């Protein structure tokens, strides 16, 4: 991969990078790992939602009436790619309690190595909503590309992708499949190893979140 695509934004805020260093550490226990994923997602969500449209509203303060601003237009939907993406959902919901949650379940067919959908559920009227797909890791890009394809096929017009750690191979694959897709990551790591793990990475995010192997 040459230069990263213009659709990729790496969020290098000092607080994100500080927490990411702890997240990578192999000895971080499950409780701390979950908390760090949640905290990093919260910090990232501020930037990912920076361009949400606003509308003027009338507000009466204890002293007088004034003009305030509220989010306008499309309602937000956060869509985790199961299962690791579940670890990022609560952070977004805390910031935007009115957001809805969709779910996309995918697994890789060991024969074809292509993603297979086993679950897909999103709110109605997707064309009227704005979607944020979340997954801690963007490795090969296969699952992310398929998740975005499914949303677009269902009618979603506004989709963005948020991960914590990305591999160059995954960013390239996702941006080639969806050149219009904004991609947000806390780190762009070196590469994928021969087993398909991001290096230096942080291991298997799902296993570390849920205590499985």
N, C-alpha and C. Protein backbone atom coordinates (compact mmCIF):
# COMPACT_ATOMS: atom_id res chain seq x y z
N UNK A 1 0.84 -1.19 0.00
CA UNK A 1 0.00 0.00 0.00
C UNK A 1 0.88 1.24 0.00
N UNK A 2 0.55 2.22 -0.88
CA UNK A 2 1.28 3.46 -0.90
C UNK A 2 0.73 4.41 0.13
N UNK A 3 0.45 5.63 -0.30
CA UNK A 3 -0.14 6.59 0.62
C UNK A 3 -1.55 6.15 1.01
N UNK A 4 -1.95 6.36 2.27
CA UNK A 4 -3.32 6.01 2.67
C UNK A 4 -4.33 6.78 1.84
N UNK A 5 -5.51 6.21 1.61
CA UNK A 5 -6.53 6.91 0.83
C UNK A 5 -7.03 8.14 1.57
N UNK A 6 -7.53 9.13 0.83
CA UNK A 6 -8.01 10.36 1.48
C UNK A 6 -9.23 10.12 2.36
N UNK A 7 -9.89 8.99 2.19
CA UNK A 7 -11.06 8.69 3.01
C UNK A 7 -10.69 8.20 4.41
N UNK A 8 -9.40 7.93 4.66
CA UNK A 8 -8.95 7.45 5.97
C UNK A 8 -8.57 8.61 6.87
N UNK A 9 -9.11 8.63 8.08
CA UNK A 9 -8.71 9.60 9.10
C UNK A 9 -8.18 8.83 10.30
N UNK A 10 -6.92 9.07 10.65
CA UNK A 10 -6.32 8.47 11.84
C UNK A 10 -6.39 9.50 12.96
N UNK A 11 -7.10 9.14 14.03
CA UNK A 11 -7.33 10.07 15.14
C UNK A 11 -6.20 9.94 16.16
N UNK A 12 -5.28 10.87 16.10
CA UNK A 12 -4.06 10.76 16.91
C UNK A 12 -4.09 11.65 18.15
N UNK A 13 -5.28 11.91 18.68
CA UNK A 13 -5.39 12.71 19.90
C UNK A 13 -4.57 12.04 21.01
N UNK A 14 -3.85 12.83 21.82
CA UNK A 14 -3.01 12.24 22.87
C UNK A 14 -3.75 11.29 23.81
N UNK A 15 -5.00 11.61 24.18
CA UNK A 15 -5.74 10.72 25.08
C UNK A 15 -6.04 9.38 24.41
N UNK A 16 -6.37 9.42 23.13
CA UNK A 16 -6.62 8.17 22.40
C UNK A 16 -5.35 7.34 22.34
N UNK A 17 -4.24 7.98 22.02
CA UNK A 17 -2.99 7.23 21.89
C UNK A 17 -2.52 6.68 23.24
N UNK A 18 -2.73 7.43 24.30
CA UNK A 18 -2.37 6.96 25.64
C UNK A 18 -3.16 5.71 26.00
N UNK A 19 -4.46 5.75 25.78
CA UNK A 19 -5.30 4.60 26.12
C UNK A 19 -5.02 3.42 25.19
N UNK A 20 -4.69 3.69 23.94
CA UNK A 20 -4.36 2.63 23.00
C UNK A 20 -3.11 1.87 23.42
N UNK A 21 -2.14 2.57 23.99
CA UNK A 21 -0.93 1.90 24.47
C UNK A 21 -1.27 0.88 25.55
N UNK A 22 -2.17 1.24 26.46
CA UNK A 22 -2.61 0.30 27.49
C UNK A 22 -3.44 -0.84 26.89
N UNK A 23 -4.24 -0.51 25.88
CA UNK A 23 -5.08 -1.53 25.24
C UNK A 23 -4.23 -2.60 24.57
N UNK A 24 -3.11 -2.22 23.98
CA UNK A 24 -2.26 -3.18 23.28
C UNK A 24 -1.56 -4.15 24.25
N UNK A 25 -1.33 -3.72 25.47
CA UNK A 25 -0.52 -4.50 26.41
C UNK A 25 -1.14 -5.88 26.65
N UNK A 26 -0.35 -6.91 26.50
CA UNK A 26 -0.85 -8.28 26.58
C UNK A 26 -1.36 -8.64 27.97
N UNK A 27 -0.87 -7.96 29.00
CA UNK A 27 -1.27 -8.30 30.37
C UNK A 27 -2.48 -7.50 30.86
N UNK A 28 -3.05 -6.66 30.01
CA UNK A 28 -4.26 -5.93 30.44
C UNK A 28 -5.40 -6.91 30.64
N UNK A 29 -5.99 -6.97 31.84
CA UNK A 29 -7.08 -7.93 32.10
C UNK A 29 -8.35 -7.56 31.32
N UNK A 30 -9.28 -8.51 31.26
CA UNK A 30 -10.50 -8.31 30.47
C UNK A 30 -11.25 -7.05 30.88
N UNK A 31 -11.38 -6.83 32.17
CA UNK A 31 -12.12 -5.65 32.65
C UNK A 31 -11.50 -4.37 32.13
N UNK A 32 -10.19 -4.26 32.25
CA UNK A 32 -9.50 -3.06 31.77
C UNK A 32 -9.60 -2.96 30.26
N UNK A 33 -9.47 -4.08 29.56
CA UNK A 33 -9.55 -4.07 28.10
C UNK A 33 -10.91 -3.53 27.65
N UNK A 34 -11.99 -4.03 28.27
CA UNK A 34 -13.33 -3.56 27.91
C UNK A 34 -13.47 -2.06 28.17
N UNK A 35 -12.97 -1.62 29.33
CA UNK A 35 -13.08 -0.21 29.69
C UNK A 35 -12.32 0.66 28.69
N UNK A 36 -11.16 0.20 28.27
CA UNK A 36 -10.35 0.98 27.33
C UNK A 36 -10.99 1.05 25.96
N UNK A 37 -11.56 -0.07 25.49
CA UNK A 37 -12.28 -0.05 24.22
C UNK A 37 -13.42 0.96 24.29
N UNK A 38 -14.14 0.95 25.40
CA UNK A 38 -15.25 1.88 25.60
C UNK A 38 -14.76 3.33 25.61
N UNK A 39 -13.69 3.60 26.33
CA UNK A 39 -13.19 4.97 26.45
C UNK A 39 -12.63 5.47 25.12
N UNK A 40 -11.90 4.64 24.41
CA UNK A 40 -11.35 5.04 23.11
C UNK A 40 -12.48 5.31 22.12
N UNK A 41 -13.49 4.46 22.14
CA UNK A 41 -14.63 4.66 21.25
C UNK A 41 -15.33 5.98 21.54
N UNK A 42 -15.49 6.31 22.82
CA UNK A 42 -16.11 7.58 23.19
C UNK A 42 -15.34 8.75 22.61
N UNK A 43 -14.03 8.73 22.77
CA UNK A 43 -13.20 9.82 22.25
C UNK A 43 -13.26 9.89 20.73
N UNK A 44 -13.25 8.74 20.08
CA UNK A 44 -13.32 8.71 18.63
C UNK A 44 -14.67 9.20 18.12
N UNK A 45 -15.72 8.86 18.84
CA UNK A 45 -17.07 9.20 18.38
C UNK A 45 -17.27 10.71 18.28
N UNK A 46 -16.58 11.49 19.11
CA UNK A 46 -16.68 12.93 18.99
C UNK A 46 -16.28 13.39 17.59
N UNK A 47 -15.19 12.81 17.07
CA UNK A 47 -14.70 13.21 15.75
C UNK A 47 -15.53 12.60 14.63
N UNK A 48 -15.94 11.35 14.81
CA UNK A 48 -16.70 10.67 13.76
C UNK A 48 -18.03 11.36 13.50
N UNK A 49 -18.59 11.98 14.54
CA UNK A 49 -19.89 12.65 14.41
C UNK A 49 -19.77 14.16 14.27
N UNK A 50 -18.56 14.63 14.02
CA UNK A 50 -18.32 16.07 13.98
C UNK A 50 -19.18 16.80 12.95
N UNK A 51 -19.48 16.16 11.82
CA UNK A 51 -20.19 16.86 10.75
C UNK A 51 -21.69 16.55 10.72
N UNK A 52 -22.24 16.03 11.82
CA UNK A 52 -23.68 15.83 11.84
C UNK A 52 -24.38 17.19 11.69
N UNK A 53 -25.40 17.26 10.85
CA UNK A 53 -26.07 18.56 10.62
C UNK A 53 -26.85 19.02 11.84
N UNK A 54 -26.94 20.33 12.01
CA UNK A 54 -27.63 20.93 13.15
C UNK A 54 -28.78 21.82 12.66
N UNK A 55 -29.74 22.04 13.55
CA UNK A 55 -30.83 22.96 13.26
C UNK A 55 -31.01 23.88 14.46
N UNK A 56 -31.46 25.10 14.19
CA UNK A 56 -31.72 26.06 15.26
C UNK A 56 -33.05 25.73 15.95
N UNK A 57 -33.05 25.85 17.27
CA UNK A 57 -34.27 25.63 18.04
C UNK A 57 -34.39 26.75 19.08
N UNK A 58 -35.61 27.02 19.45
CA UNK A 58 -35.86 28.02 20.48
C UNK A 58 -35.78 27.37 21.85
N UNK A 59 -35.02 27.99 22.77
CA UNK A 59 -34.82 27.45 24.13
C UNK A 59 -35.08 28.56 25.14
N UNK A 60 -35.85 28.24 26.17
CA UNK A 60 -36.06 29.20 27.23
C UNK A 60 -35.14 28.87 28.40
N UNK A 61 -34.20 29.73 28.70
CA UNK A 61 -33.31 29.56 29.84
C UNK A 61 -34.02 30.11 31.08
N UNK A 62 -33.43 29.99 32.28
CA UNK A 62 -34.05 30.60 33.46
C UNK A 62 -34.17 32.12 33.36
N UNK A 63 -33.44 32.73 32.41
CA UNK A 63 -33.43 34.19 32.32
C UNK A 63 -34.17 34.73 31.09
N UNK A 64 -34.08 34.04 29.97
CA UNK A 64 -34.70 34.56 28.75
C UNK A 64 -34.78 33.46 27.70
N UNK A 65 -35.40 33.79 26.58
CA UNK A 65 -35.45 32.87 25.46
C UNK A 65 -34.26 33.12 24.55
N UNK A 66 -33.66 32.02 24.06
CA UNK A 66 -32.50 32.13 23.18
C UNK A 66 -32.59 31.07 22.10
N UNK A 67 -31.61 31.05 21.24
CA UNK A 67 -31.56 30.06 20.16
C UNK A 67 -30.48 29.03 20.47
N UNK A 68 -30.86 27.77 20.47
CA UNK A 68 -29.91 26.68 20.64
C UNK A 68 -29.81 25.89 19.34
N UNK A 69 -29.00 24.83 19.36
CA UNK A 69 -28.82 24.02 18.15
C UNK A 69 -28.94 22.54 18.53
N UNK A 70 -29.67 21.81 17.72
CA UNK A 70 -29.84 20.37 17.91
C UNK A 70 -29.52 19.64 16.61
N UNK A 71 -29.23 18.35 16.75
CA UNK A 71 -28.92 17.55 15.56
C UNK A 71 -30.14 17.51 14.65
N UNK A 72 -29.91 17.73 13.38
CA UNK A 72 -30.99 17.81 12.40
C UNK A 72 -30.93 16.62 11.44
N UNK A 73 -32.07 16.30 10.91
CA UNK A 73 -32.12 15.39 9.78
C UNK A 73 -31.98 13.93 10.16
N UNK A 74 -31.07 13.24 9.47
CA UNK A 74 -30.98 11.79 9.56
C UNK A 74 -30.72 11.32 10.99
N UNK A 75 -31.44 10.30 11.37
CA UNK A 75 -31.25 9.71 12.69
C UNK A 75 -30.09 8.72 12.63
N UNK A 76 -29.31 8.70 13.69
CA UNK A 76 -28.09 7.90 13.70
C UNK A 76 -28.37 6.45 14.08
N UNK A 77 -27.66 5.53 13.42
CA UNK A 77 -27.70 4.11 13.75
C UNK A 77 -26.28 3.61 13.89
N UNK A 78 -25.95 2.99 15.01
CA UNK A 78 -24.64 2.36 15.19
C UNK A 78 -24.80 0.87 14.91
N UNK A 79 -23.92 0.33 14.08
CA UNK A 79 -24.04 -1.05 13.63
C UNK A 79 -22.76 -1.81 13.93
N UNK A 80 -22.74 -2.62 15.00
CA UNK A 80 -21.57 -3.44 15.27
C UNK A 80 -21.51 -4.65 14.34
N UNK A 81 -20.30 -4.99 13.90
CA UNK A 81 -20.08 -6.27 13.24
C UNK A 81 -19.83 -7.28 14.35
N UNK A 82 -20.71 -8.27 14.44
CA UNK A 82 -20.62 -9.25 15.52
C UNK A 82 -19.38 -10.11 15.35
N UNK A 83 -18.69 -10.38 16.49
CA UNK A 83 -19.17 -10.07 17.82
C UNK A 83 -18.39 -8.94 18.47
N UNK A 84 -17.14 -8.73 18.02
CA UNK A 84 -16.27 -7.77 18.70
C UNK A 84 -16.81 -6.35 18.65
N UNK A 85 -17.57 -6.03 17.60
CA UNK A 85 -18.12 -4.69 17.49
C UNK A 85 -19.05 -4.31 18.63
N UNK A 86 -19.60 -5.33 19.31
CA UNK A 86 -20.49 -5.06 20.46
C UNK A 86 -19.78 -4.26 21.54
N UNK A 87 -18.46 -4.43 21.65
CA UNK A 87 -17.71 -3.73 22.69
C UNK A 87 -17.64 -2.23 22.48
N UNK A 88 -18.05 -1.74 21.30
CA UNK A 88 -17.96 -0.31 21.00
C UNK A 88 -19.31 0.39 21.03
N UNK A 89 -20.39 -0.37 21.15
CA UNK A 89 -21.73 0.19 21.00
C UNK A 89 -22.10 1.13 22.14
N UNK A 90 -21.93 0.71 23.39
CA UNK A 90 -22.39 1.49 24.53
C UNK A 90 -21.79 2.89 24.56
N UNK A 91 -20.54 3.01 24.13
CA UNK A 91 -19.89 4.32 24.15
C UNK A 91 -20.61 5.31 23.23
N UNK A 92 -21.04 4.84 22.06
CA UNK A 92 -21.75 5.72 21.13
C UNK A 92 -23.13 6.05 21.67
N UNK A 93 -23.80 5.05 22.24
CA UNK A 93 -25.16 5.24 22.76
C UNK A 93 -25.16 6.23 23.93
N UNK A 94 -24.12 6.22 24.75
CA UNK A 94 -24.05 7.19 25.85
C UNK A 94 -23.98 8.62 25.33
N UNK A 95 -23.25 8.81 24.24
CA UNK A 95 -23.13 10.14 23.67
C UNK A 95 -24.42 10.57 22.96
N UNK A 96 -25.04 9.60 22.28
CA UNK A 96 -26.24 9.91 21.49
C UNK A 96 -27.32 8.91 21.88
N UNK A 97 -28.01 9.15 23.00
CA UNK A 97 -28.98 8.18 23.51
C UNK A 97 -30.11 7.87 22.53
N UNK A 98 -30.39 8.79 21.62
CA UNK A 98 -31.45 8.56 20.66
C UNK A 98 -31.05 7.67 19.49
N UNK A 99 -29.78 7.32 19.39
CA UNK A 99 -29.32 6.48 18.29
C UNK A 99 -29.91 5.08 18.40
N UNK A 100 -30.16 4.48 17.27
CA UNK A 100 -30.63 3.10 17.24
C UNK A 100 -29.46 2.17 16.97
N UNK A 101 -29.68 0.87 17.16
CA UNK A 101 -28.61 -0.12 17.00
C UNK A 101 -29.05 -1.18 16.01
N UNK A 102 -28.26 -1.39 14.98
CA UNK A 102 -28.44 -2.51 14.07
C UNK A 102 -27.40 -3.57 14.38
N UNK A 103 -27.49 -4.72 13.74
CA UNK A 103 -26.51 -5.79 13.96
C UNK A 103 -26.23 -6.50 12.64
N UNK A 104 -24.95 -6.79 12.42
CA UNK A 104 -24.56 -7.57 11.25
C UNK A 104 -23.64 -8.69 11.72
N UNK A 105 -24.05 -9.94 11.45
CA UNK A 105 -23.25 -11.10 11.81
C UNK A 105 -22.64 -11.72 10.57
N UNK A 106 -21.32 -11.89 10.57
CA UNK A 106 -20.61 -12.46 9.43
C UNK A 106 -19.61 -13.50 9.91
N UNK A 107 -19.38 -14.52 9.10
CA UNK A 107 -18.27 -15.44 9.34
C UNK A 107 -17.59 -15.73 8.02
N UNK A 108 -16.34 -16.20 8.08
CA UNK A 108 -15.59 -16.48 6.87
C UNK A 108 -15.72 -17.93 6.47
N UNK A 109 -16.17 -18.17 5.25
CA UNK A 109 -16.23 -19.53 4.71
C UNK A 109 -14.80 -20.03 4.49
N UNK A 110 -14.45 -21.13 5.14
CA UNK A 110 -13.07 -21.61 5.09
C UNK A 110 -12.70 -22.16 3.71
N UNK A 111 -13.72 -22.49 2.90
CA UNK A 111 -13.44 -22.97 1.55
C UNK A 111 -13.17 -21.84 0.57
N UNK A 112 -14.06 -20.85 0.58
CA UNK A 112 -13.93 -19.73 -0.36
C UNK A 112 -13.19 -18.54 0.24
N UNK A 113 -13.06 -18.52 1.58
CA UNK A 113 -12.45 -17.42 2.33
C UNK A 113 -13.25 -16.12 2.19
N UNK A 114 -14.50 -16.23 1.76
CA UNK A 114 -15.34 -15.04 1.62
C UNK A 114 -16.30 -14.92 2.81
N UNK A 115 -16.68 -13.70 3.16
CA UNK A 115 -17.61 -13.53 4.29
C UNK A 115 -19.01 -14.02 3.96
N UNK A 116 -19.63 -14.67 4.94
CA UNK A 116 -20.99 -15.19 4.79
C UNK A 116 -21.85 -14.53 5.87
N UNK A 117 -22.99 -14.00 5.47
CA UNK A 117 -23.88 -13.33 6.42
C UNK A 117 -24.78 -14.33 7.12
N UNK A 118 -24.81 -14.28 8.45
CA UNK A 118 -25.73 -15.13 9.19
C UNK A 118 -26.78 -14.32 9.96
N UNK A 119 -26.57 -12.98 10.03
CA UNK A 119 -27.56 -12.15 10.71
C UNK A 119 -27.46 -10.73 10.18
N UNK A 120 -28.62 -10.14 9.88
CA UNK A 120 -28.66 -8.75 9.41
C UNK A 120 -29.96 -8.13 9.87
N UNK A 121 -29.86 -7.12 10.73
CA UNK A 121 -31.06 -6.47 11.27
C UNK A 121 -30.75 -5.00 11.48
N UNK A 122 -31.49 -4.13 10.77
CA UNK A 122 -31.32 -2.69 10.92
C UNK A 122 -32.70 -2.04 11.02
N UNK A 123 -32.76 -0.79 11.53
CA UNK A 123 -34.05 -0.11 11.62
C UNK A 123 -34.67 0.13 10.24
N UNK A 124 -35.96 0.38 10.22
CA UNK A 124 -36.66 0.67 8.98
C UNK A 124 -36.25 2.02 8.42
N UNK A 125 -36.59 2.27 7.18
CA UNK A 125 -36.29 3.52 6.48
C UNK A 125 -34.80 3.86 6.51
N UNK A 126 -33.92 2.94 6.08
CA UNK A 126 -32.48 3.19 6.14
C UNK A 126 -32.04 4.39 5.31
N UNK A 127 -32.81 4.73 4.28
CA UNK A 127 -32.44 5.87 3.44
C UNK A 127 -32.54 7.19 4.19
N UNK A 128 -33.25 7.19 5.32
CA UNK A 128 -33.43 8.41 6.11
C UNK A 128 -32.46 8.47 7.29
N UNK A 129 -31.54 7.52 7.37
CA UNK A 129 -30.68 7.42 8.55
C UNK A 129 -29.19 7.51 8.17
N UNK A 130 -28.39 7.79 9.16
CA UNK A 130 -26.94 7.81 9.00
C UNK A 130 -26.35 6.68 9.83
N UNK A 131 -25.51 5.84 9.22
CA UNK A 131 -25.00 4.63 9.85
C UNK A 131 -23.51 4.75 10.17
N UNK A 132 -23.15 4.28 11.37
CA UNK A 132 -21.75 4.12 11.75
C UNK A 132 -21.51 2.64 12.01
N UNK A 133 -20.71 2.01 11.17
CA UNK A 133 -20.35 0.60 11.35
C UNK A 133 -19.14 0.55 12.27
N UNK A 134 -19.19 -0.27 13.31
CA UNK A 134 -18.09 -0.32 14.28
C UNK A 134 -17.53 -1.74 14.41
N UNK A 135 -16.22 -1.82 14.47
CA UNK A 135 -15.49 -3.07 14.69
C UNK A 135 -14.11 -2.67 15.20
N UNK A 136 -13.63 -3.25 16.30
CA UNK A 136 -12.33 -2.82 16.81
C UNK A 136 -11.19 -2.98 15.82
N UNK A 137 -11.26 -3.99 14.94
CA UNK A 137 -10.16 -4.29 14.05
C UNK A 137 -10.59 -4.23 12.58
N UNK A 138 -9.76 -3.63 11.76
CA UNK A 138 -9.92 -3.68 10.30
C UNK A 138 -8.70 -4.42 9.78
N UNK A 139 -8.85 -5.72 9.56
CA UNK A 139 -7.71 -6.57 9.18
C UNK A 139 -7.65 -6.74 7.66
N UNK A 140 -8.31 -7.78 7.13
CA UNK A 140 -8.29 -7.98 5.68
C UNK A 140 -9.27 -7.05 4.97
N UNK A 141 -10.27 -6.58 5.68
CA UNK A 141 -11.28 -5.72 5.08
C UNK A 141 -12.46 -6.45 4.49
N UNK A 142 -12.42 -7.78 4.51
CA UNK A 142 -13.50 -8.56 3.91
C UNK A 142 -14.83 -8.37 4.61
N UNK A 143 -14.84 -8.53 5.92
CA UNK A 143 -16.10 -8.39 6.67
C UNK A 143 -16.61 -6.96 6.62
N UNK A 144 -15.72 -5.99 6.76
CA UNK A 144 -16.14 -4.59 6.72
C UNK A 144 -16.74 -4.24 5.37
N UNK A 145 -16.10 -4.68 4.30
CA UNK A 145 -16.60 -4.40 2.95
C UNK A 145 -17.98 -5.00 2.75
N UNK A 146 -18.17 -6.24 3.23
CA UNK A 146 -19.45 -6.90 3.07
C UNK A 146 -20.52 -6.22 3.91
N UNK A 147 -20.17 -5.80 5.13
CA UNK A 147 -21.14 -5.11 5.98
C UNK A 147 -21.62 -3.83 5.33
N UNK A 148 -20.71 -3.06 4.78
CA UNK A 148 -21.09 -1.81 4.12
C UNK A 148 -21.92 -2.11 2.87
N UNK A 149 -21.55 -3.15 2.12
CA UNK A 149 -22.33 -3.52 0.94
C UNK A 149 -23.77 -3.87 1.31
N UNK A 150 -23.94 -4.62 2.39
CA UNK A 150 -25.27 -5.00 2.83
C UNK A 150 -26.10 -3.77 3.20
N UNK A 151 -25.49 -2.81 3.88
CA UNK A 151 -26.20 -1.60 4.25
C UNK A 151 -26.62 -0.80 3.02
N UNK A 152 -25.70 -0.66 2.09
CA UNK A 152 -26.03 0.08 0.87
C UNK A 152 -27.12 -0.64 0.08
N UNK A 153 -27.03 -1.96 0.03
CA UNK A 153 -28.03 -2.75 -0.68
C UNK A 153 -29.41 -2.58 -0.04
N UNK A 154 -29.43 -2.39 1.27
CA UNK A 154 -30.70 -2.20 1.99
C UNK A 154 -31.25 -0.79 1.82
N UNK A 155 -30.44 0.12 1.26
CA UNK A 155 -30.93 1.47 1.02
C UNK A 155 -30.22 2.57 1.77
N UNK A 156 -29.23 2.22 2.60
CA UNK A 156 -28.51 3.24 3.37
C UNK A 156 -27.71 4.14 2.43
N UNK A 157 -27.86 5.44 2.61
CA UNK A 157 -27.13 6.36 1.77
C UNK A 157 -25.93 6.98 2.46
N UNK A 158 -25.97 7.05 3.78
CA UNK A 158 -24.89 7.65 4.56
C UNK A 158 -24.29 6.59 5.48
N UNK A 159 -23.06 6.17 5.20
CA UNK A 159 -22.39 5.13 5.99
C UNK A 159 -20.95 5.57 6.24
N UNK A 160 -20.47 5.33 7.45
CA UNK A 160 -19.07 5.52 7.77
C UNK A 160 -18.60 4.36 8.63
N UNK A 161 -17.29 4.15 8.67
CA UNK A 161 -16.73 2.99 9.37
C UNK A 161 -15.75 3.46 10.44
N UNK A 162 -15.87 2.90 11.65
CA UNK A 162 -14.99 3.27 12.75
C UNK A 162 -14.35 2.03 13.35
N UNK A 163 -13.03 2.03 13.44
CA UNK A 163 -12.30 0.93 14.08
C UNK A 163 -11.23 1.53 14.97
N UNK A 164 -10.63 0.68 15.81
CA UNK A 164 -9.56 1.15 16.68
C UNK A 164 -8.20 0.94 16.02
N UNK A 165 -7.96 -0.26 15.50
CA UNK A 165 -6.69 -0.56 14.84
C UNK A 165 -6.97 -1.07 13.43
N UNK A 166 -6.24 -0.53 12.46
CA UNK A 166 -6.42 -0.93 11.06
C UNK A 166 -5.09 -1.41 10.49
N UNK A 167 -5.18 -2.36 9.57
CA UNK A 167 -4.03 -2.79 8.79
C UNK A 167 -4.08 -2.12 7.43
N UNK A 168 -2.93 -1.81 6.83
CA UNK A 168 -2.93 -1.19 5.51
C UNK A 168 -3.71 -2.02 4.48
N UNK A 169 -3.58 -3.35 4.58
CA UNK A 169 -4.29 -4.22 3.63
C UNK A 169 -5.80 -4.06 3.74
N UNK A 170 -6.29 -3.93 4.98
CA UNK A 170 -7.72 -3.77 5.19
C UNK A 170 -8.23 -2.42 4.71
N UNK A 171 -7.46 -1.38 4.98
CA UNK A 171 -7.84 -0.04 4.53
C UNK A 171 -7.90 0.00 3.01
N UNK A 172 -6.90 -0.60 2.37
CA UNK A 172 -6.88 -0.61 0.90
C UNK A 172 -8.07 -1.37 0.33
N UNK A 173 -8.36 -2.55 0.89
CA UNK A 173 -9.47 -3.36 0.39
C UNK A 173 -10.80 -2.64 0.59
N UNK A 174 -11.00 -2.05 1.76
CA UNK A 174 -12.26 -1.38 2.07
C UNK A 174 -12.44 -0.14 1.21
N UNK A 175 -11.38 0.63 1.02
CA UNK A 175 -11.49 1.85 0.22
C UNK A 175 -11.66 1.54 -1.25
N UNK A 176 -11.13 0.41 -1.72
CA UNK A 176 -11.33 0.02 -3.12
C UNK A 176 -12.77 -0.44 -3.34
N UNK A 177 -13.31 -1.18 -2.36
CA UNK A 177 -14.69 -1.66 -2.49
C UNK A 177 -15.70 -0.52 -2.36
N UNK A 178 -15.35 0.47 -1.52
CA UNK A 178 -16.28 1.58 -1.25
C UNK A 178 -15.49 2.89 -1.23
N UNK A 179 -15.19 3.44 -2.39
CA UNK A 179 -14.35 4.64 -2.46
C UNK A 179 -14.94 5.87 -1.78
N UNK A 180 -16.26 5.85 -1.55
CA UNK A 180 -16.93 6.98 -0.93
C UNK A 180 -17.05 6.87 0.58
N UNK A 181 -16.52 5.80 1.17
CA UNK A 181 -16.74 5.50 2.59
C UNK A 181 -15.70 6.19 3.47
N UNK A 182 -16.12 7.06 4.40
CA UNK A 182 -15.17 7.60 5.38
C UNK A 182 -14.75 6.50 6.36
N UNK A 183 -13.45 6.38 6.59
CA UNK A 183 -12.89 5.37 7.50
C UNK A 183 -12.16 6.10 8.62
N UNK A 184 -12.47 5.76 9.86
CA UNK A 184 -11.83 6.38 11.02
C UNK A 184 -11.13 5.30 11.83
N UNK A 185 -9.88 5.54 12.21
CA UNK A 185 -9.11 4.58 13.01
C UNK A 185 -8.29 5.33 14.04
N UNK A 186 -7.99 4.65 15.15
CA UNK A 186 -7.10 5.24 16.15
C UNK A 186 -5.64 4.97 15.79
N UNK A 187 -5.39 3.92 14.98
CA UNK A 187 -4.03 3.60 14.59
C UNK A 187 -4.03 2.85 13.27
N UNK A 188 -3.07 3.16 12.42
CA UNK A 188 -2.81 2.40 11.20
C UNK A 188 -1.54 1.61 11.44
N UNK A 189 -1.67 0.31 11.66
CA UNK A 189 -0.52 -0.52 12.02
C UNK A 189 0.29 -0.94 10.80
N UNK A 190 1.33 -1.75 11.03
CA UNK A 190 2.31 -2.03 9.99
C UNK A 190 1.79 -2.94 8.87
N UNK A 191 1.18 -4.08 9.27
CA UNK A 191 0.81 -5.06 8.26
C UNK A 191 0.00 -6.20 8.88
N UNK A 192 -0.45 -7.12 8.03
CA UNK A 192 -1.01 -8.39 8.47
C UNK A 192 0.09 -9.44 8.44
N UNK A 193 0.09 -10.33 9.45
CA UNK A 193 1.04 -11.45 9.38
C UNK A 193 0.44 -12.58 8.55
N UNK A 194 1.15 -13.69 8.44
CA UNK A 194 0.69 -14.77 7.57
C UNK A 194 -0.58 -15.44 8.06
N UNK A 195 -0.90 -15.23 9.36
CA UNK A 195 -2.14 -15.78 9.92
C UNK A 195 -3.31 -14.80 9.84
N UNK A 196 -3.07 -13.64 9.24
CA UNK A 196 -4.14 -12.66 9.10
C UNK A 196 -4.35 -11.77 10.31
N UNK A 197 -3.40 -11.76 11.26
CA UNK A 197 -3.50 -10.88 12.41
C UNK A 197 -2.77 -9.56 12.13
N UNK A 198 -3.35 -8.48 12.65
CA UNK A 198 -2.70 -7.18 12.52
C UNK A 198 -1.49 -7.14 13.44
N UNK A 199 -0.36 -6.67 12.93
CA UNK A 199 0.84 -6.50 13.76
C UNK A 199 1.32 -5.06 13.64
N UNK A 200 1.72 -4.45 14.79
CA UNK A 200 1.79 -5.06 16.11
C UNK A 200 0.43 -5.39 16.72
N UNK A 201 -0.62 -4.68 16.36
CA UNK A 201 -1.96 -5.05 16.76
C UNK A 201 -2.21 -5.08 18.25
N UNK A 202 -3.24 -5.86 18.62
CA UNK A 202 -3.56 -6.03 20.04
C UNK A 202 -4.16 -7.41 20.30
N UNK A 203 -3.91 -8.33 19.38
CA UNK A 203 -4.45 -9.69 19.53
C UNK A 203 -5.85 -9.78 18.97
N UNK A 204 -6.59 -10.80 19.39
CA UNK A 204 -7.97 -10.99 18.96
C UNK A 204 -8.87 -10.17 19.87
N UNK A 205 -9.44 -9.10 19.33
CA UNK A 205 -10.24 -8.19 20.15
C UNK A 205 -11.45 -8.89 20.75
N UNK A 206 -12.11 -9.75 19.99
CA UNK A 206 -13.28 -10.47 20.50
C UNK A 206 -12.93 -11.35 21.67
N UNK A 207 -11.86 -12.11 21.55
CA UNK A 207 -11.43 -12.99 22.64
C UNK A 207 -11.07 -12.19 23.88
N UNK A 208 -10.39 -11.06 23.68
CA UNK A 208 -9.97 -10.25 24.84
C UNK A 208 -11.15 -9.53 25.49
N UNK A 209 -12.16 -9.20 24.70
CA UNK A 209 -13.35 -8.56 25.26
C UNK A 209 -14.20 -9.54 26.06
N UNK A 210 -14.34 -10.76 25.53
CA UNK A 210 -15.32 -11.70 26.09
C UNK A 210 -14.70 -12.89 26.79
N UNK A 211 -13.37 -12.94 26.88
CA UNK A 211 -12.73 -13.99 27.64
C UNK A 211 -12.78 -15.35 26.99
N UNK A 212 -12.76 -15.39 25.64
CA UNK A 212 -12.77 -16.66 24.91
C UNK A 212 -11.46 -16.83 24.19
N UNK A 213 -11.28 -18.04 23.64
CA UNK A 213 -10.07 -18.32 22.86
C UNK A 213 -10.44 -19.04 21.58
